[in-house]
Amino acid sequence: MTDYSRGAVLITGAARRVGAAIARTLAQGGARHLLLQYRSSFNEARTLARELETLGARRVNLLKADLSRHAQVEKLAQTALKLEPGLEAVIFNAGVYERAPFGLVSEKNWDRHLDTNLKSTFFLAQRLGSAMKKKGRGHLILLSDWAGLRPYVNYLPYCLSKTGVLYLTHALAKALAPQVQVNAILPGPVLLPETMSPRGRLRVREATLLKRLGTPDDIARAVRFFLKDGAFSTGSWLTIDGGRLIA
């Protein structure tokens, strides 16, 4: 069984938060080569890269790209394959999450969510997944959201983009089988907005079955499972939400 967590992995949105936690987990597992995509957080990405090398990653590259721009998505794919022809896995973590109440959704807001969260995922997967299929093996992990199944009323473009990611997971799993495995992770409340009040945080925590909030490391461990131990999983949706979806 191939342990993709120790290979060459591209992580989008890797400079901070969940993406950084995923990168640290893979570095600690002895990743051969980590390619970290970021949009504007260069200083954080550079600091993280240095940390990853101390944690065990043998090689780290930083790749700047605005995933809302198709030309930059194509360039990112091209650069990633040039730097690492043996790319073994891609973690689609980057995303836009903005409040947009129904009745006030603008075309700009709609396009930003769909372009970044869904369109870029498809075109990166088409380019990189096809290269993996030709090579004979690989793994794609898409980060969706439990709200892709139960939408928030004030985040319609975001939720719709994440619903699209779920069904894209199934479509890619079929298109790239049997050489490439494609799975999705559906995070729940693992990182709440910094502006949320203590009362709001308590309300979110109590809405989970486990009566607690998750952490970015919970998502990173799910990524590691698919890369290291999920040899018989493809087209799967794994909720990491403390039971929030079914509460």
C-alpha atoms as a PDB file:
ATOM      1  CA  MET A   1       0.000   0.000   0.000  1.00  0.00           C
ATOM      2  CA  THR A   2       1.360   3.417  -1.009  1.00  0.00           C
ATOM      3  CA  ASP A   3       1.713   5.937   1.820  1.00  0.00           C
ATOM      4  CA  TYR A   4       0.953   9.179  -0.010  1.00  0.00           C
ATOM      5  CA  SER A   5       1.551  11.206   3.161  1.00  0.00           C
ATOM      6  CA  ARG A   6       5.277  10.596   2.737  1.00  0.00           C
ATOM      7  CA  GLY A   7       5.396  11.620  -0.907  1.00  0.00           C
ATOM      8  CA  ALA A   8       5.104  14.861  -2.865  1.00  0.00           C
ATOM      9  CA  VAL A   9       1.955  16.785  -1.953  1.00  0.00           C
ATOM     10  CA  LEU A  10       0.468  20.091  -3.138  1.00  0.00           C
ATOM     11  CA  ILE A  11      -1.694  21.889  -0.563  1.00  0.00           C
ATOM     12  CA  THR A  12      -3.761  24.888  -1.616  1.00  0.00           C
ATOM     13  CA  GLY A  13      -4.449  27.629   0.908  1.00  0.00           C
ATOM     14  CA  ALA A  14      -1.548  26.299   2.938  1.00  0.00           C
ATOM     15  CA  ALA A  15      -0.148  29.380   4.670  1.00  0.00           C
ATOM     16  CA  ARG A  16      -2.534  29.549   7.615  1.00  0.00           C
ATOM     17  CA  ARG A  17      -5.216  27.840   9.650  1.00  0.00           C
ATOM     18  CA  VAL A  18      -6.326  24.403   8.413  1.00  0.00           C
ATOM     19  CA  GLY A  19      -3.906  24.359   5.486  1.00  0.00           C
ATOM     20  CA  ALA A  20      -0.943  24.997   7.768  1.00  0.00           C
ATOM     21  CA  ALA A  21      -2.108  22.259  10.153  1.00  0.00           C
ATOM     22  CA  ILE A  22      -2.269  19.794   7.257  1.00  0.00           C
ATOM     23  CA  ALA A  23       1.232  20.785   6.143  1.00  0.00           C
ATOM     24  CA  ARG A  24       2.633  20.316   9.663  1.00  0.00           C
ATOM     25  CA  THR A  25       1.040  16.887  10.004  1.00  0.00           C
ATOM     26  CA  LEU A  26       2.508  15.728   6.702  1.00  0.00           C
ATOM     27  CA  ALA A  27       5.913  17.188   7.517  1.00  0.00           C
ATOM     28  CA  GLN A  28       5.961  15.323  10.823  1.00  0.00           C
ATOM     29  CA  GLY A  29       5.145  12.158   8.878  1.00  0.00           C
ATOM     30  CA  GLY A  30       8.222  12.612   6.697  1.00  0.00           C
ATOM     31  CA  ALA A  31       6.752  14.141   3.534  1.00  0.00           C
ATOM     32  CA  ARG A  32       9.296  14.107   0.723  1.00  0.00           C
ATOM     33  CA  HIS A  33       8.178  17.350  -0.918  1.00  0.00           C
ATOM     34  CA  LEU A  34       5.494  19.848   0.128  1.00  0.00           C
ATOM     35  CA  LEU A  35       4.273  22.452  -2.352  1.00  0.00           C
ATOM     36  CA  LEU A  36       2.361  25.210  -0.564  1.00  0.00           C
ATOM     37  CA  GLN A  37       0.022  27.458  -2.524  1.00  0.00           C
ATOM     38  CA  TYR A  38      -0.824  30.854  -1.042  1.00  0.00           C
ATOM     39  CA  ARG A  39      -2.533  33.965  -2.386  1.00  0.00           C
ATOM     40  CA  SER A  40      -1.252  36.909  -0.346  1.00  0.00           C
ATOM     41  CA  SER A  41       0.129  35.536   2.931  1.00  0.00           C
ATOM     42  CA  PHE A  42       3.770  35.338   1.829  1.00  0.00           C
ATOM     43  CA  ASN A  43       5.342  36.092   5.212  1.00  0.00           C
ATOM     44  CA  GLU A  44       3.244  33.441   6.917  1.00  0.00           C
ATOM     45  CA  ALA A  45       3.948  30.943   4.146  1.00  0.00           C
ATOM     46  CA  ARG A  46       7.696  31.579   4.369  1.00  0.00           C
ATOM     47  CA  THR A  47       7.691  31.172   8.155  1.00  0.00           C
ATOM     48  CA  LEU A  48       5.685  27.959   7.828  1.00  0.00           C
ATOM     49  CA  ALA A  49       8.089  26.583   5.205  1.00  0.00           C
ATOM     50  CA  ARG A  50      11.015  27.000   7.591  1.00  0.00           C
ATOM     51  CA  GLU A  51       9.046  25.278  10.338  1.00  0.00           C
ATOM     52  CA  LEU A  52       8.114  22.372   8.070  1.00  0.00           C
ATOM     53  CA  GLU A  53      11.764  21.701   7.287  1.00  0.00           C
ATOM     54  CA  THR A  54      12.530  21.458  11.004  1.00  0.00           C
ATOM     55  CA  LEU A  55       9.568  19.101  11.436  1.00  0.00           C
ATOM     56  CA  GLY A  56      10.820  16.654   8.825  1.00  0.00           C
ATOM     57  CA  ALA A  57       9.793  17.773   5.340  1.00  0.00           C
ATOM     58  CA  ARG A  58      12.720  17.154   3.017  1.00  0.00           C
ATOM     59  CA  ARG A  59      11.772  19.874   0.517  1.00  0.00           C
ATOM     60  CA  VAL A  60       9.293  22.788   0.551  1.00  0.00           C
ATOM     61  CA  ASN A  61       8.269  25.110  -2.277  1.00  0.00           C
ATOM     62  CA  LEU A  62       6.014  28.167  -2.060  1.00  0.00           C
ATOM     63  CA  LEU A  63       3.674  28.841  -4.989  1.00  0.00           C
ATOM     64  CA  LYS A  64       1.787  32.137  -5.254  1.00  0.00           C
ATOM     65  CA  ALA A  65      -1.565  32.032  -7.073  1.00  0.00           C
ATOM     66  CA  ASP A  66      -4.956  33.714  -6.949  1.00  0.00           C
ATOM     67  CA  LEU A  67      -7.339  30.805  -7.447  1.00  0.00           C
ATOM     68  CA  SER A  68     -10.183  33.098  -8.495  1.00  0.00           C
ATOM     69  CA  ARG A  69      -8.243  33.762 -11.721  1.00  0.00           C
ATOM     70  CA  HIS A  70      -8.283  30.923 -14.206  1.00  0.00           C
ATOM     71  CA  ALA A  71      -4.967  31.845 -15.830  1.00  0.00           C
ATOM     72  CA  GLN A  72      -3.230  31.641 -12.448  1.00  0.00           C
ATOM     73  CA  VAL A  73      -4.847  28.276 -11.732  1.00  0.00           C
ATOM     74  CA  GLU A  74      -3.443  26.919 -14.985  1.00  0.00           C
ATOM     75  CA  LYS A  75      -0.024  28.395 -14.199  1.00  0.00           C
ATOM     76  CA  LEU A  76      -0.109  26.844 -10.719  1.00  0.00           C
ATOM     77  CA  ALA A  77      -0.741  23.400 -12.201  1.00  0.00           C
ATOM     78  CA  GLN A  78       2.034  23.854 -14.727  1.00  0.00           C
ATOM     79  CA  THR A  79       4.519  25.055 -12.103  1.00  0.00           C
ATOM     80  CA  ALA A  80       3.627  22.259  -9.679  1.00  0.00           C
ATOM     81  CA  LEU A  81       4.261  19.585 -12.303  1.00  0.00           C
ATOM     82  CA  LYS A  82       7.498  21.244 -13.376  1.00  0.00           C
ATOM     83  CA  LEU A  83       8.772  21.361  -9.796  1.00  0.00           C
ATOM     84  CA  GLU A  84       7.483  17.890  -9.010  1.00  0.00           C
ATOM     85  CA  PRO A  85       6.764  15.599 -11.999  1.00  0.00           C
ATOM     86  CA  GLY A  86       6.160  12.826  -9.466  1.00  0.00           C
ATOM     87  CA  LEU A  87       3.387  14.687  -7.651  1.00  0.00           C
ATOM     88  CA  GLU A  88       1.450  12.101  -5.669  1.00  0.00           C
ATOM     89  CA  ALA A  89      -1.344  13.999  -3.936  1.00  0.00           C
ATOM     90  CA  VAL A  90      -3.237  17.284  -3.964  1.00  0.00           C
ATOM     91  CA  ILE A  91      -5.141  18.700  -0.998  1.00  0.00           C
ATOM     92  CA  PHE A  92      -7.752  21.239  -2.138  1.00  0.00           C
ATOM     93  CA  ASN A  93      -7.994  23.335   1.012  1.00  0.00           C
ATOM     94  CA  ALA A  94      -8.159  26.937  -0.278  1.00  0.00           C
ATOM     95  CA  GLY A  95     -11.527  28.631  -0.110  1.00  0.00           C
ATOM     96  CA  VAL A  96     -13.540  31.812   0.287  1.00  0.00           C
ATOM     97  CA  TYR A  97     -16.083  32.082   3.123  1.00  0.00           C
ATOM     98  CA  GLU A  98     -18.047  35.330   3.185  1.00  0.00           C
ATOM     99  CA  ARG A  99     -21.435  36.278   4.556  1.00  0.00           C
ATOM    100  CA  ALA A 100     -23.974  37.018   1.825  1.00  0.00           C
ATOM    101  CA  PRO A 101     -27.602  37.206   3.049  1.00  0.00           C
ATOM    102  CA  PHE A 102     -30.255  36.199   0.541  1.00  0.00           C
ATOM    103  CA  GLY A 103     -31.491  39.316  -1.222  1.00  0.00           C
ATOM    104  CA  LEU A 104     -28.085  40.981  -0.932  1.00  0.00           C
ATOM    105  CA  VAL A 105     -25.970  38.519  -2.908  1.00  0.00           C
ATOM    106  CA  SER A 106     -23.971  40.343  -5.565  1.00  0.00           C
ATOM    107  CA  GLU A 107     -22.620  38.862  -8.781  1.00  0.00           C
ATOM    108  CA  LYS A 108     -19.109  39.654  -7.557  1.00  0.00           C
ATOM    109  CA  ASN A 109     -19.669  37.708  -4.348  1.00  0.00           C
ATOM    110  CA  TRP A 110     -21.221  34.813  -6.272  1.00  0.00           C
ATOM    111  CA  ASP A 111     -18.341  34.638  -8.750  1.00  0.00           C
ATOM    112  CA  ARG A 112     -15.657  34.886  -6.058  1.00  0.00           C
ATOM    113  CA  HIS A 113     -17.044  31.875  -4.192  1.00  0.00           C
ATOM    114  CA  LEU A 114     -17.755  29.711  -7.220  1.00  0.00           C
ATOM    115  CA  ASP A 115     -14.497  30.565  -8.973  1.00  0.00           C
ATOM    116  CA  THR A 116     -12.271  30.002  -5.952  1.00  0.00           C
ATOM    117  CA  ASN A 117     -14.035  27.132  -4.215  1.00  0.00           C
ATOM    118  CA  LEU A 118     -15.336  25.102  -7.157  1.00  0.00           C
ATOM    119  CA  LYS A 119     -14.031  26.185 -10.566  1.00  0.00           C
ATOM    120  CA  SER A 120     -10.364  26.233  -9.535  1.00  0.00           C
ATOM    121  CA  THR A 121     -10.764  22.833  -7.882  1.00  0.00           C
ATOM    122  CA  PHE A 122     -12.098  21.313 -11.091  1.00  0.00           C
ATOM    123  CA  PHE A 123      -9.422  22.742 -13.360  1.00  0.00           C
ATOM    124  CA  LEU A 124      -6.558  21.912 -11.005  1.00  0.00           C
ATOM    125  CA  ALA A 125      -7.936  18.392 -10.655  1.00  0.00           C
ATOM    126  CA  GLN A 126      -8.350  18.068 -14.405  1.00  0.00           C
ATOM    127  CA  ARG A 127      -4.727  18.979 -15.021  1.00  0.00           C
ATOM    128  CA  LEU A 128      -3.033  17.348 -12.034  1.00  0.00           C
ATOM    129  CA  GLY A 129      -5.388  14.385 -11.731  1.00  0.00           C
ATOM    130  CA  SER A 130      -4.909  13.572 -15.401  1.00  0.00           C
ATOM    131  CA  ALA A 131      -1.129  13.608 -14.922  1.00  0.00           C
ATOM    132  CA  MET A 132      -1.496  11.246 -11.964  1.00  0.00           C
ATOM    133  CA  LYS A 133      -3.782   8.919 -13.908  1.00  0.00           C
ATOM    134  CA  LYS A 134      -1.262   8.762 -16.729  1.00  0.00           C
ATOM    135  CA  LYS A 135       1.480   8.004 -14.217  1.00  0.00           C
ATOM    136  CA  GLY A 136      -0.685   5.264 -12.704  1.00  0.00           C
ATOM    137  CA  ARG A 137      -1.367   6.458  -9.156  1.00  0.00           C
ATOM    138  CA  GLY A 138      -2.309   9.439  -7.053  1.00  0.00           C
ATOM    139  CA  HIS A 139      -4.701  10.915  -4.530  1.00  0.00           C
ATOM    140  CA  LEU A 140      -6.943  13.996  -4.511  1.00  0.00           C
ATOM    141  CA  ILE A 141      -8.593  15.233  -1.316  1.00  0.00           C
ATOM    142  CA  LEU A 142     -11.222  17.965  -1.587  1.00  0.00           C
ATOM    143  CA  LEU A 143     -12.280  20.005   1.429  1.00  0.00           C
ATOM    144  CA  SER A 144     -15.993  20.685   1.383  1.00  0.00           C
ATOM    145  CA  ASP A 145     -18.150  21.571   4.427  1.00  0.00           C
ATOM    146  CA  TRP A 146     -21.001  19.986   6.324  1.00  0.00           C
ATOM    147  CA  ALA A 147     -22.973  23.046   5.202  1.00  0.00           C
ATOM    148  CA  GLY A 148     -22.735  21.706   1.680  1.00  0.00           C
ATOM    149  CA  LEU A 149     -25.492  19.339   2.811  1.00  0.00           C
ATOM    150  CA  ARG A 150     -27.346  21.682   5.213  1.00  0.00           C
ATOM    151  CA  PRO A 151     -26.884  25.265   3.969  1.00  0.00           C
ATOM    152  CA  TYR A 152     -26.524  28.337   6.143  1.00  0.00           C
ATOM    153  CA  VAL A 153     -29.207  30.844   5.181  1.00  0.00           C
ATOM    154  CA  ASN A 154     -26.789  33.810   5.076  1.00  0.00           C
ATOM    155  CA  TYR A 155     -23.974  32.063   3.167  1.00  0.00           C
ATOM    156  CA  LEU A 156     -25.716  30.814   0.043  1.00  0.00           C
ATOM    157  CA  PRO A 157     -22.867  31.241  -2.504  1.00  0.00           C
ATOM    158  CA  TYR A 158     -20.415  29.574  -0.119  1.00  0.00           C
ATOM    159  CA  CYS A 159     -22.706  26.654   0.638  1.00  0.00           C
ATOM    160  CA  LEU A 160     -23.581  26.119  -2.999  1.00  0.00           C
ATOM    161  CA  SER A 161     -19.901  26.056  -3.929  1.00  0.00           C
ATOM    162  CA  LYS A 162     -19.267  23.415  -1.271  1.00  0.00           C
ATOM    163  CA  THR A 163     -22.222  21.329  -2.466  1.00  0.00           C
ATOM    164  CA  GLY A 164     -20.596  21.445  -5.875  1.00  0.00           C
ATOM    165  CA  VAL A 165     -17.338  20.205  -4.369  1.00  0.00           C
ATOM    166  CA  LEU A 166     -19.134  17.174  -2.938  1.00  0.00           C
ATOM    167  CA  TYR A 167     -20.579  16.094  -6.240  1.00  0.00           C
ATOM    168  CA  LEU A 168     -17.365  16.977  -8.048  1.00  0.00           C
ATOM    169  CA  THR A 169     -15.703  14.455  -5.731  1.00  0.00           C
ATOM    170  CA  HIS A 170     -17.944  11.720  -7.126  1.00  0.00           C
ATOM    171  CA  ALA A 171     -17.443  12.840 -10.718  1.00  0.00           C
ATOM    172  CA  LEU A 172     -13.658  12.968 -10.377  1.00  0.00           C
ATOM    173  CA  ALA A 173     -13.551   9.613  -8.608  1.00  0.00           C
ATOM    174  CA  LYS A 174     -15.283   8.066 -11.621  1.00  0.00           C
ATOM    175  CA  ALA A 175     -13.238   9.951 -14.210  1.00  0.00           C
ATOM    176  CA  LEU A 176      -9.869   9.127 -12.643  1.00  0.00           C
ATOM    177  CA  ALA A 177     -10.501   5.549 -11.488  1.00  0.00           C
ATOM    178  CA  PRO A 178      -8.892   3.195 -10.907  1.00  0.00           C
ATOM    179  CA  GLN A 179      -5.491   4.880 -10.784  1.00  0.00           C
ATOM    180  CA  VAL A 180      -6.394   7.958  -8.708  1.00  0.00           C
ATOM    181  CA  GLN A 181      -8.397   8.002  -5.493  1.00  0.00           C
ATOM    182  CA  VAL A 182     -10.616  11.043  -4.877  1.00  0.00           C
ATOM    183  CA  ASN A 183     -12.236  11.761  -1.516  1.00  0.00           C
ATOM    184  CA  ALA A 184     -13.800  14.687   0.335  1.00  0.00           C
ATOM    185  CA  ILE A 185     -13.638  15.900   3.920  1.00  0.00           C
ATOM    186  CA  LEU A 186     -16.565  17.867   5.368  1.00  0.00           C
ATOM    187  CA  PRO A 187     -15.355  19.974   8.311  1.00  0.00           C
ATOM    188  CA  GLY A 188     -17.777  21.253  10.893  1.00  0.00           C
ATOM    189  CA  PRO A 189     -17.038  23.880  13.556  1.00  0.00           C
ATOM    190  CA  VAL A 190     -13.252  23.645  13.790  1.00  0.00           C
ATOM    191  CA  LEU A 191     -12.378  27.326  13.340  1.00  0.00           C
ATOM    192  CA  LEU A 192     -15.006  29.912  14.233  1.00  0.00           C
ATOM    193  CA  PRO A 193     -14.826  33.551  13.083  1.00  0.00           C
ATOM    194  CA  GLU A 194     -12.614  35.610  15.375  1.00  0.00           C
ATOM    195  CA  THR A 195     -15.405  38.185  15.646  1.00  0.00           C
ATOM    196  CA  MET A 196     -17.901  35.662  17.044  1.00  0.00           C
ATOM    197  CA  SER A 197     -19.090  36.463  20.561  1.00  0.00           C
ATOM    198  CA  PRO A 198     -18.585  34.078  23.489  1.00  0.00           C
ATOM    199  CA  ARG A 199     -22.329  33.433  23.488  1.00  0.00           C
ATOM    200  CA  GLY A 200     -22.212  32.608  19.790  1.00  0.00           C
ATOM    201  CA  ARG A 201     -19.311  30.218  20.298  1.00  0.00           C
ATOM    202  CA  LEU A 202     -21.198  28.484  23.092  1.00  0.00           C
ATOM    203  CA  ARG A 203     -24.272  28.128  20.887  1.00  0.00           C
ATOM    204  CA  VAL A 204     -22.205  26.528  18.097  1.00  0.00           C
ATOM    205  CA  ARG A 205     -20.463  24.191  20.530  1.00  0.00           C
ATOM    206  CA  GLU A 206     -23.741  23.043  22.077  1.00  0.00           C
ATOM    207  CA  ALA A 207     -25.204  22.369  18.616  1.00  0.00           C
ATOM    208  CA  THR A 208     -22.743  19.476  18.130  1.00  0.00           C
ATOM    209  CA  LEU A 209     -23.434  16.016  19.485  1.00  0.00           C
ATOM    210  CA  LEU A 210     -20.024  15.949  21.176  1.00  0.00           C
ATOM    211  CA  LYS A 211     -20.637  19.352  22.832  1.00  0.00           C
ATOM    212  CA  ARG A 212     -17.241  20.688  21.861  1.00  0.00           C
ATOM    213  CA  LEU A 213     -15.470  22.436  19.010  1.00  0.00           C
ATOM    214  CA  GLY A 214     -12.973  20.773  16.727  1.00  0.00           C
ATOM    215  CA  THR A 215      -9.495  21.933  15.741  1.00  0.00           C
ATOM    216  CA  PRO A 216      -7.537  22.208  12.482  1.00  0.00           C
ATOM    217  CA  ASP A 217      -5.582  19.147  13.623  1.00  0.00           C
ATOM    218  CA  ASP A 218      -8.786  17.102  13.431  1.00  0.00           C
ATOM    219  CA  ILE A 219      -8.973  17.895   9.734  1.00  0.00           C
ATOM    220  CA  ALA A 220      -5.259  17.241   9.254  1.00  0.00           C
ATOM    221  CA  ARG A 221      -5.628  13.784  10.781  1.00  0.00           C
ATOM    222  CA  ALA A 222      -8.486  13.026   8.389  1.00  0.00           C
ATOM    223  CA  VAL A 223      -6.268  14.031   5.476  1.00  0.00           C
ATOM    224  CA  ARG A 224      -3.525  11.770   6.802  1.00  0.00           C
ATOM    225  CA  PHE A 225      -5.994   8.877   7.049  1.00  0.00           C
ATOM    226  CA  PHE A 226      -6.917   9.119   3.377  1.00  0.00           C
ATOM    227  CA  LEU A 227      -3.294   9.468   2.303  1.00  0.00           C
ATOM    228  CA  LYS A 228      -1.872   6.783   4.558  1.00  0.00           C
ATOM    229  CA  ASP A 229      -4.578   4.261   5.392  1.00  0.00           C
ATOM    230  CA  GLY A 230      -7.501   4.881   3.029  1.00  0.00           C
ATOM    231  CA  ALA A 231      -6.413   2.364   0.410  1.00  0.00           C
ATOM    232  CA  PHE A 232      -9.984   1.222  -0.308  1.00  0.00           C
ATOM    233  CA  SER A 233     -11.677   4.636  -0.307  1.00  0.00           C
ATOM    234  CA  THR A 234     -12.669   6.682  -3.327  1.00  0.00           C
ATOM    235  CA  GLY A 235     -15.673   8.922  -3.871  1.00  0.00           C
ATOM    236  CA  SER A 236     -16.104   9.099  -0.083  1.00  0.00           C
ATOM    237  CA  TRP A 237     -17.458  11.999   1.991  1.00  0.00           C
ATOM    238  CA  LEU A 238     -16.043  12.051   5.527  1.00  0.00           C
ATOM    239  CA  THR A 239     -17.688  14.432   8.011  1.00  0.00           C
ATOM    240  CA  ILE A 240     -15.432  15.805  10.770  1.00  0.00           C
ATOM    241  CA  ASP A 241     -18.031  17.861  12.574  1.00  0.00           C
ATOM    242  CA  GLY A 242     -18.639  16.486  16.063  1.00  0.00           C
ATOM    243  CA  GLY A 243     -21.999  15.167  14.882  1.00  0.00           C
ATOM    244  CA  ARG A 244     -23.271  18.612  13.850  1.00  0.00           C
ATOM    245  CA  LEU A 245     -24.758  17.379  10.571  1.00  0.00           C
ATOM    246  CA  ILE A 246     -27.143  14.944  12.258  1.00  0.00           C
ATOM    247  CA  ALA A 247     -27.779  16.877  15.486  1.00  0.00           C
END
